[in-house]
Amino acid sequence: MTGRFRIERIEARILDIPTIRPHRLSFGAISRQSPVIVQLWLGNGASGFGEAATIGGPSWNEESPEGIRHAIEAYLAPVLLGQEGGCFSDALDRMDAACKGNAFAKSAVEMALIDAMARTLGLPAWQLLGGKRRQSLPLAWTLASGDVARDLEEAQLRLEQRRHRIFKMKIGARSPEDDVSHVAQIARALEGRATLTVDINQAWDGSTARRHLPRLIDAGVSLIEQPVAKWNVEALAVLSTELGARACIMADETVCTPQDAMRLARAKACHVFSLKVAKHGGLLRTREVAAVAEAADIGWYGGTMLETSIGSAAAAHVFSTLGKQHHGCELFGPQLLVDDLVVQRMEIRDFELQLPDGPGFGVDVDPAQLDRFDRARTGLVPVHIDLGHRAPFTQGA
């Protein structure tokens, strides 16, 4: 073992970064994002960064920023210190043995390790992840203000700027009738100029989805994300069979592990996987889930947890190595935040996110920005999602 590649130090901190506007989902709205930023040092002095971001704290899944940091400091870092930095799979095995679950925490540590090793070798991270198959990805933007006029204003601006022509709408907080009406108004205004998708974030039951999804498709929606609860694979399969000729059903919360991916493939329960590095437990495991998708003729979509440019660049690197049956990506997190953590963001050109090719993940972190938003320095209290506007889930007949 060469000392220059040994893992010497791992630190984690929570940041609090306001968003440019409230971001509304079926289960609430956020006005501040709280990523956990990990920095890892090797014996040669090189360091790398990783990130784990949740949406609304633990409202999206079981992990919270506070829990992620604690898992890293108390369980994950101790089993990696002194180990060989280039043994990525061994690092995952050690973290699994020390701490069950905690995919977000493991993802942030693995990300920082790969960034550090790639920088040590003077290589872009995609060279350690199988090699890139594309230089850019079509980039979506989420229309989640909840207001038709504001959503259309956002969409029009991004079309004019040639930044986005895929728009996702977050629905499920209101009645299905109101949601369909809202989507239809947006779809009519953007007809012929953009692609429209919806994310229901598990808000509907199976019968509600069967009644209302055809109306969304009639309005012009082509991709429908997680319409039912993550456990309801049977309902996803029914919807995929009934609607498959007209639109694609995409699994998100239902597909986290390679085993989840196999279950969905066997059940023919979706047409697309939403890939998110954090929920899969890292970049290597994202590739494992994507491999199941490719083997089963299932498409993939590059999802986001609204990361800063650190996590977004890492995701872009692994997405660049995946198969051709993709539906673009939504790594727009840095644009939703009032400011970023890097010296220069990834370029968006002609509606596509350009892959940064510098060492590591190709973005340089600004230490002053880390300090500016560090919760330990600002004294902000943990953020809680605003549930004030949330409507009850609709139960189908």
Protein backbone atom coordinates (compact mmCIF):
# COMPACT_ATOMS: atom_id res chain seq x y z
CA MET A 1 0.00 0.00 0.00
CA THR A 2 1.43 3.36 -0.99
CA GLY A 3 1.11 6.00 1.68
CA ARG A 4 0.45 8.72 -0.86
CA PHE A 5 -2.92 7.13 -1.75
CA ARG A 6 -4.04 6.33 1.79
CA ILE A 7 -7.14 8.05 3.12
CA GLU A 8 -5.92 10.44 5.82
CA ARG A 9 -8.88 12.62 6.80
CA ILE A 10 -12.63 12.96 6.14
CA GLU A 11 -14.72 15.92 7.22
CA ALA A 12 -18.44 16.64 6.78
CA ARG A 13 -20.42 19.82 7.28
CA ILE A 14 -23.99 20.96 6.74
CA LEU A 15 -24.68 24.04 4.63
CA ASP A 16 -27.89 26.06 4.38
CA ILE A 17 -28.48 27.74 1.00
CA PRO A 18 -31.72 29.61 0.17
CA THR A 19 -33.53 28.84 -3.08
CA ILE A 20 -34.46 31.53 -5.62
CA ARG A 21 -38.15 30.71 -5.09
CA PRO A 22 -40.20 28.17 -3.16
CA HIS A 23 -39.90 24.73 -4.75
CA ARG A 24 -43.22 22.92 -4.38
CA LEU A 25 -43.72 19.17 -4.37
CA SER A 26 -46.67 16.92 -3.56
CA PHE A 27 -45.57 16.68 0.10
CA GLY A 28 -44.63 20.31 0.75
CA ALA A 29 -42.41 23.20 -0.32
CA ILE A 30 -38.81 24.14 0.39
CA SER A 31 -37.19 27.56 0.41
CA ARG A 32 -33.78 26.40 1.62
CA GLN A 33 -31.55 23.49 0.67
CA SER A 34 -29.24 21.87 3.24
CA PRO A 35 -26.58 19.73 1.56
CA VAL A 36 -23.94 17.82 3.49
CA ILE A 37 -20.53 18.55 1.94
CA VAL A 38 -17.75 16.01 2.48
CA GLN A 39 -14.05 16.70 1.96
CA LEU A 40 -11.59 13.78 1.90
CA TRP A 41 -7.79 14.03 1.97
CA LEU A 42 -5.25 11.49 0.72
CA GLY A 43 -1.72 10.97 1.98
CA ASN A 44 -0.26 13.05 -0.82
CA GLY A 45 -2.25 16.10 0.23
CA ALA A 46 -4.80 15.89 -2.59
CA SER A 47 -8.42 16.27 -1.59
CA GLY A 48 -11.82 15.67 -3.16
CA PHE A 49 -15.37 16.78 -2.47
CA GLY A 50 -18.66 14.91 -2.25
CA GLU A 51 -22.22 15.95 -1.53
CA ALA A 52 -25.44 14.46 -0.21
CA ALA A 53 -28.51 16.65 -0.57
CA THR A 54 -31.99 15.81 0.63
CA ILE A 55 -35.19 17.61 -0.38
CA GLY A 56 -36.90 19.03 2.68
CA GLY A 57 -34.73 17.17 5.19
CA PRO A 58 -36.16 13.70 5.92
CA SER A 59 -39.44 14.42 4.10
CA TRP A 60 -38.23 12.63 0.95
CA ASN A 61 -36.67 9.58 2.58
CA GLU A 62 -35.27 8.31 5.87
CA GLU A 63 -32.05 10.35 5.91
CA SER A 64 -31.69 13.91 7.14
CA PRO A 65 -28.70 16.27 6.85
CA GLU A 66 -28.03 15.83 10.56
CA GLY A 67 -28.21 12.04 10.30
CA ILE A 68 -26.00 11.97 7.21
CA ARG A 69 -23.27 13.96 8.93
CA HIS A 70 -23.47 11.81 12.06
CA ALA A 71 -23.25 8.56 10.06
CA ILE A 72 -20.16 9.84 8.24
CA GLU A 73 -18.37 11.09 11.35
CA ALA A 74 -19.26 8.23 13.70
CA TYR A 75 -19.32 5.16 11.43
CA LEU A 76 -18.10 5.64 7.87
CA ALA A 77 -14.98 7.78 8.24
CA PRO A 78 -13.40 5.60 10.98
CA VAL A 79 -13.47 2.44 8.84
CA LEU A 80 -11.87 4.19 5.84
CA LEU A 81 -9.03 6.10 7.49
CA GLY A 82 -5.69 4.53 6.60
CA GLN A 83 -7.18 2.47 3.76
CA GLU A 84 -6.06 2.51 0.12
CA GLY A 85 -7.86 5.31 -1.70
CA GLY A 86 -8.01 3.61 -5.09
CA CYS A 87 -10.01 0.59 -3.88
CA PHE A 88 -13.49 2.02 -4.40
CA SER A 89 -15.45 -1.23 -4.11
CA ASP A 90 -13.55 -2.21 -0.96
CA ALA A 91 -14.45 1.18 0.52
CA LEU A 92 -18.13 0.49 -0.18
CA ASP A 93 -17.84 -2.95 1.42
CA ARG A 94 -16.28 -1.44 4.53
CA MET A 95 -18.98 1.20 4.80
CA ASP A 96 -21.69 -1.44 4.34
CA ALA A 97 -20.20 -3.54 7.14
CA ALA A 98 -20.02 -0.56 9.48
CA CYS A 99 -23.44 0.94 8.77
CA LYS A 100 -26.56 -0.54 7.18
CA GLY A 101 -28.58 1.62 4.80
CA ASN A 102 -27.56 5.28 4.87
CA ALA A 103 -27.16 5.39 1.09
CA PHE A 104 -26.94 9.20 0.98
CA ALA A 105 -24.09 9.30 3.50
CA LYS A 106 -22.14 6.57 1.70
CA SER A 107 -22.71 8.31 -1.62
CA ALA A 108 -21.14 11.56 -0.39
CA VAL A 109 -18.05 9.77 0.95
CA GLU A 110 -17.57 7.66 -2.18
CA MET A 111 -17.98 10.78 -4.32
CA ALA A 112 -15.25 12.62 -2.40
CA LEU A 113 -12.95 9.59 -2.65
CA ILE A 114 -13.34 9.28 -6.43
CA ASP A 115 -12.84 13.03 -6.86
CA ALA A 116 -9.64 12.91 -4.77
CA MET A 117 -8.20 9.93 -6.65
CA ALA A 118 -9.05 11.39 -10.06
CA ARG A 119 -7.38 14.68 -9.11
CA THR A 120 -4.32 12.80 -7.85
CA LEU A 121 -4.04 11.06 -11.21
CA GLY A 122 -4.81 14.23 -13.17
CA LEU A 123 -7.83 12.60 -14.82
CA PRO A 124 -11.49 13.50 -15.21
CA ALA A 125 -13.65 11.24 -13.05
CA TRP A 126 -15.39 9.69 -16.04
CA GLN A 127 -12.14 7.91 -16.87
CA LEU A 128 -12.43 6.01 -13.56
CA LEU A 129 -16.10 5.20 -14.18
CA GLY A 130 -15.96 3.32 -17.46
CA GLY A 131 -15.33 6.11 -19.94
CA LYS A 132 -17.70 8.73 -21.30
CA ARG A 133 -20.11 7.97 -24.13
CA ARG A 134 -21.34 11.54 -24.56
CA GLN A 135 -20.11 15.07 -23.93
CA SER A 136 -23.48 16.61 -23.05
CA LEU A 137 -27.02 15.78 -21.93
CA PRO A 138 -30.37 17.45 -22.65
CA LEU A 139 -31.19 19.45 -19.53
CA ALA A 140 -34.68 19.72 -18.02
CA TRP A 141 -36.04 22.43 -15.75
CA THR A 142 -38.72 21.89 -13.13
CA LEU A 143 -41.71 24.24 -13.08
CA ALA A 144 -42.67 24.04 -9.43
CA SER A 145 -43.89 27.47 -8.35
CA GLY A 146 -47.50 26.28 -8.36
CA ASP A 147 -48.62 29.35 -10.33
CA VAL A 148 -49.46 29.10 -14.06
CA ALA A 149 -48.30 32.62 -14.97
CA ARG A 150 -45.01 32.26 -13.11
CA ASP A 151 -44.38 28.78 -14.51
CA LEU A 152 -44.92 30.04 -18.05
CA GLU A 153 -42.70 33.05 -17.46
CA GLU A 154 -39.91 30.74 -16.26
CA ALA A 155 -40.37 28.41 -19.22
CA GLN A 156 -40.38 31.22 -21.76
CA LEU A 157 -37.19 32.74 -20.35
CA ARG A 158 -35.34 29.42 -20.44
CA LEU A 159 -36.45 28.73 -23.98
CA GLU A 160 -35.20 32.16 -25.06
CA GLN A 161 -31.89 31.57 -23.29
CA ARG A 162 -31.60 28.16 -25.01
CA ARG A 163 -31.07 26.52 -21.63
CA HIS A 164 -34.08 24.18 -21.38
CA ARG A 165 -36.78 22.77 -23.63
CA ILE A 166 -37.75 19.87 -21.39
CA PHE A 167 -39.98 20.95 -18.52
CA LYS A 168 -41.08 18.84 -15.57
CA MET A 169 -44.07 19.83 -13.48
CA LYS A 170 -44.37 18.87 -9.83
CA ILE A 171 -47.99 17.97 -9.07
CA GLY A 172 -49.95 15.99 -6.49
CA ALA A 173 -50.41 18.61 -3.78
CA ARG A 174 -53.84 19.67 -5.06
CA SER A 175 -56.83 17.70 -6.27
CA PRO A 176 -56.23 15.65 -9.44
CA GLU A 177 -58.73 17.82 -11.30
CA ASP A 178 -56.86 21.00 -10.37
CA ASP A 179 -53.52 19.40 -11.24
CA VAL A 180 -54.75 18.28 -14.66
CA SER A 181 -56.12 21.75 -15.37
CA HIS A 182 -52.82 23.36 -14.31
CA VAL A 183 -50.75 21.04 -16.49
CA ALA A 184 -53.10 21.45 -19.46
CA GLN A 185 -52.71 25.24 -19.39
CA ILE A 186 -48.94 24.97 -19.40
CA ALA A 187 -49.01 22.30 -22.12
CA ARG A 188 -51.18 24.41 -24.43
CA ALA A 189 -48.88 27.40 -24.05
CA LEU A 190 -45.71 25.34 -24.75
CA GLU A 191 -47.13 23.11 -27.50
CA GLY A 192 -44.64 22.52 -30.27
CA ARG A 193 -41.82 24.28 -28.42
CA ALA A 194 -40.99 21.99 -25.49
CA THR A 195 -41.41 18.52 -24.02
CA LEU A 196 -43.54 18.25 -20.87
CA THR A 197 -43.23 15.67 -18.07
CA VAL A 198 -44.88 15.40 -14.65
CA ASP A 199 -43.71 14.14 -11.26
CA ILE A 200 -46.51 13.12 -8.90
CA ASN A 201 -44.13 12.11 -6.07
CA GLN A 202 -46.26 9.12 -4.95
CA ALA A 203 -49.31 11.31 -4.26
CA TRP A 204 -51.98 9.20 -6.02
CA ASP A 205 -53.29 5.71 -5.45
CA GLY A 206 -53.65 3.27 -8.33
CA SER A 207 -57.26 3.96 -9.25
CA THR A 208 -56.76 7.75 -9.12
CA ALA A 209 -53.79 7.37 -11.45
CA ARG A 210 -55.75 5.17 -13.87
CA ARG A 211 -58.50 7.80 -14.09
CA HIS A 212 -56.40 10.93 -14.43
CA LEU A 213 -53.16 9.99 -16.18
CA PRO A 214 -54.90 9.57 -19.58
CA ARG A 215 -56.08 13.19 -19.27
CA LEU A 216 -52.52 14.34 -18.61
CA ILE A 217 -51.35 12.42 -21.66
CA ASP A 218 -54.12 13.98 -23.75
CA ALA A 219 -52.83 17.38 -22.59
CA GLY A 220 -49.39 16.58 -23.99
CA VAL A 221 -47.42 14.88 -21.17
CA SER A 222 -44.95 12.28 -22.45
CA LEU A 223 -43.21 11.06 -19.27
CA ILE A 224 -44.90 10.41 -15.90
CA GLU A 225 -42.77 9.99 -12.79
CA GLN A 226 -43.74 7.95 -9.72
CA PRO A 227 -47.54 8.40 -9.82
CA VAL A 228 -48.14 5.95 -6.94
CA ALA A 229 -46.49 4.95 -3.65
CA LYS A 230 -43.05 3.39 -3.94
CA TRP A 231 -44.28 0.03 -2.64
CA ASN A 232 -47.08 -0.22 -5.22
CA VAL A 233 -45.21 -2.06 -7.96
CA GLU A 234 -48.41 -3.79 -9.07
CA ALA A 235 -50.09 -0.45 -9.83
CA LEU A 236 -46.98 0.73 -11.71
CA ALA A 237 -47.12 -2.44 -13.80
CA VAL A 238 -50.82 -1.93 -14.62
CA LEU A 239 -50.22 1.70 -15.61
CA SER A 240 -47.21 0.78 -17.72
CA THR A 241 -49.23 -1.85 -19.59
CA GLU A 242 -52.29 0.33 -20.12
CA LEU A 243 -50.51 3.57 -21.00
CA GLY A 244 -47.27 2.33 -22.53
CA ALA A 245 -48.30 3.03 -26.10
CA ARG A 246 -49.03 6.67 -25.27
CA ALA A 247 -46.50 7.75 -22.61
CA CYS A 248 -43.66 6.39 -20.45
CA ILE A 249 -44.02 5.56 -16.76
CA MET A 250 -40.87 6.37 -14.76
CA ALA A 251 -39.95 4.86 -11.39
CA ASP A 252 -38.06 7.02 -8.89
CA GLU A 253 -38.59 6.26 -5.21
CA THR A 254 -39.32 2.63 -6.16
CA VAL A 255 -35.86 2.04 -7.65
CA CYS A 256 -32.95 2.56 -5.27
CA THR A 257 -30.92 -0.66 -5.31
CA PRO A 258 -29.97 -3.06 -8.12
CA GLN A 259 -32.38 -5.50 -6.48
CA ASP A 260 -35.19 -2.94 -6.82
CA ALA A 261 -34.25 -2.55 -10.47
CA MET A 262 -34.45 -6.32 -11.03
CA ARG A 263 -37.88 -6.49 -9.37
CA LEU A 264 -39.24 -3.73 -11.59
CA ALA A 265 -37.73 -5.28 -14.70
CA ARG A 266 -39.26 -8.67 -13.96
CA ALA A 267 -42.67 -7.10 -13.31
CA LYS A 268 -42.46 -4.90 -16.43
CA ALA A 269 -43.54 -2.15 -14.08
CA CYS A 270 -41.99 0.90 -15.76
CA HIS A 271 -40.38 2.14 -18.95
CA VAL A 272 -37.76 4.42 -17.38
CA PHE A 273 -35.61 4.52 -14.22
CA SER A 274 -34.92 7.87 -12.59
CA LEU A 275 -31.27 7.59 -11.55
CA LYS A 276 -30.07 9.58 -8.54
CA VAL A 277 -26.56 9.06 -7.22
CA ALA A 278 -27.54 9.66 -3.59
CA LYS A 279 -30.44 7.20 -3.41
CA HIS A 280 -28.36 4.46 -5.10
CA GLY A 281 -25.54 4.88 -2.60
CA GLY A 282 -22.88 6.28 -4.91
CA LEU A 283 -21.54 6.52 -8.44
CA LEU A 284 -20.57 2.85 -8.76
CA ARG A 285 -23.98 1.66 -7.63
CA THR A 286 -25.68 4.09 -9.98
CA ARG A 287 -23.87 2.25 -12.77
CA GLU A 288 -25.13 -1.07 -11.37
CA VAL A 289 -28.76 0.09 -11.49
CA ALA A 290 -28.20 1.48 -14.98
CA ALA A 291 -26.75 -1.87 -16.08
CA VAL A 292 -30.00 -3.59 -15.09
CA ALA A 293 -31.93 -0.96 -17.06
CA GLU A 294 -29.82 -1.53 -20.17
CA ALA A 295 -30.13 -5.33 -19.91
CA ALA A 296 -33.92 -5.09 -19.51
CA ASP A 297 -34.42 -2.52 -22.30
CA ILE A 298 -35.51 0.11 -19.78
CA GLY A 299 -34.58 3.75 -20.36
CA TRP A 300 -32.94 6.03 -17.82
CA TYR A 301 -33.29 9.64 -16.76
CA GLY A 302 -30.68 11.61 -14.83
CA GLY A 303 -32.48 12.79 -11.70
CA THR A 304 -31.48 15.33 -9.07
CA MET A 305 -31.80 15.90 -5.35
CA LEU A 306 -31.22 19.62 -6.00
CA GLU A 307 -27.49 19.37 -5.38
CA THR A 308 -25.00 22.20 -5.73
CA SER A 309 -22.48 22.04 -8.57
CA ILE A 310 -20.43 19.52 -6.56
CA GLY A 311 -23.04 16.77 -6.60
CA SER A 312 -24.38 17.83 -10.00
CA ALA A 313 -20.97 17.57 -11.65
CA ALA A 314 -20.38 14.14 -10.08
CA ALA A 315 -23.74 12.95 -11.41
CA ALA A 316 -22.96 14.38 -14.85
CA HIS A 317 -19.75 12.35 -14.96
CA VAL A 318 -21.45 9.05 -14.22
CA PHE A 319 -24.41 9.81 -16.49
CA SER A 320 -21.96 10.49 -19.34
CA THR A 321 -20.82 6.85 -19.14
CA LEU A 322 -24.27 5.25 -19.45
CA GLY A 323 -26.15 3.73 -22.39
CA LYS A 324 -27.88 5.62 -25.16
CA GLN A 325 -31.50 4.92 -24.15
CA HIS A 326 -31.86 8.05 -22.04
CA HIS A 327 -34.42 10.80 -21.52
CA GLY A 328 -32.00 13.58 -20.60
CA CYS A 329 -31.25 14.84 -17.12
CA GLU A 330 -32.41 17.45 -14.63
CA LEU A 331 -29.17 18.54 -12.99
CA PHE A 332 -30.48 22.07 -12.57
CA GLY A 333 -29.96 22.24 -8.80
CA PRO A 334 -27.29 24.98 -8.95
CA GLN A 335 -29.68 27.23 -10.88
CA LEU A 336 -32.35 26.91 -8.18
CA LEU A 337 -29.99 28.10 -5.42
CA VAL A 338 -29.24 31.77 -4.72
CA ASP A 339 -25.53 31.01 -5.05
CA ASP A 340 -23.19 28.11 -5.64
CA LEU A 341 -20.06 26.59 -4.09
CA VAL A 342 -17.77 26.51 -7.10
CA VAL A 343 -15.68 29.06 -8.95
CA GLN A 344 -17.44 28.35 -12.24
CA ARG A 345 -20.59 26.35 -12.91
CA MET A 346 -20.95 23.77 -15.66
CA GLU A 347 -21.81 25.29 -19.01
CA ILE A 348 -25.30 25.00 -20.49
CA ARG A 349 -25.31 25.43 -24.27
CA ASP A 350 -28.03 24.79 -26.85
CA PHE A 351 -30.35 23.19 -24.28
CA GLU A 352 -27.69 20.72 -23.08
CA LEU A 353 -25.49 20.47 -19.99
CA GLN A 354 -21.85 20.26 -21.03
CA LEU A 355 -19.65 17.76 -19.20
CA PRO A 356 -16.70 19.43 -17.41
CA ASP A 357 -13.48 17.66 -18.37
CA GLY A 358 -11.01 19.01 -15.80
CA PRO A 359 -9.42 16.78 -13.13
CA GLY A 360 -11.86 15.05 -10.78
CA PHE A 361 -15.38 16.25 -11.38
CA GLY A 362 -14.08 19.25 -13.26
CA VAL A 363 -15.34 21.96 -10.90
CA ASP A 364 -13.25 23.91 -8.38
CA VAL A 365 -14.77 24.49 -4.95
CA ASP A 366 -14.56 27.99 -3.45
CA PRO A 367 -13.65 27.65 0.27
CA ALA A 368 -15.14 31.08 1.02
CA GLN A 369 -18.53 29.87 -0.23
CA LEU A 370 -18.35 26.80 1.99
CA ASP A 371 -17.72 29.05 4.98
CA ARG A 372 -20.43 31.49 3.93
CA PHE A 373 -23.21 28.89 4.04
CA ASP A 374 -21.83 26.63 6.80
CA ARG A 375 -24.57 26.05 9.37
CA ALA A 376 -22.00 26.01 12.18
CA ARG A 377 -21.06 29.59 11.27
CA THR A 378 -24.48 30.98 10.38
CA GLY A 379 -26.29 29.56 13.41
CA LEU A 380 -29.39 28.65 11.36
CA VAL A 381 -31.68 26.01 12.79
CA PRO A 382 -32.47 22.84 10.80
CA VAL A 383 -34.94 23.52 7.99
CA HIS A 384 -38.36 21.89 7.99
CA ILE A 385 -40.49 21.51 4.91
CA ASP A 386 -43.54 23.75 4.66
CA LEU A 387 -46.62 21.53 4.65
CA GLY A 388 -49.07 24.41 4.85
CA HIS A 389 -50.30 24.17 1.25
CA ARG A 390 -50.46 20.41 1.11
CA ALA A 391 -53.78 18.85 0.13
CA PRO A 392 -54.81 15.40 1.40
CA PHE A 393 -54.01 12.49 -0.88
CA THR A 394 -56.94 11.63 -3.11
CA GLN A 395 -58.40 8.18 -2.68
CA GLY A 396 -59.73 6.68 -5.88
CA ALA A 397 -63.07 4.96 -6.12
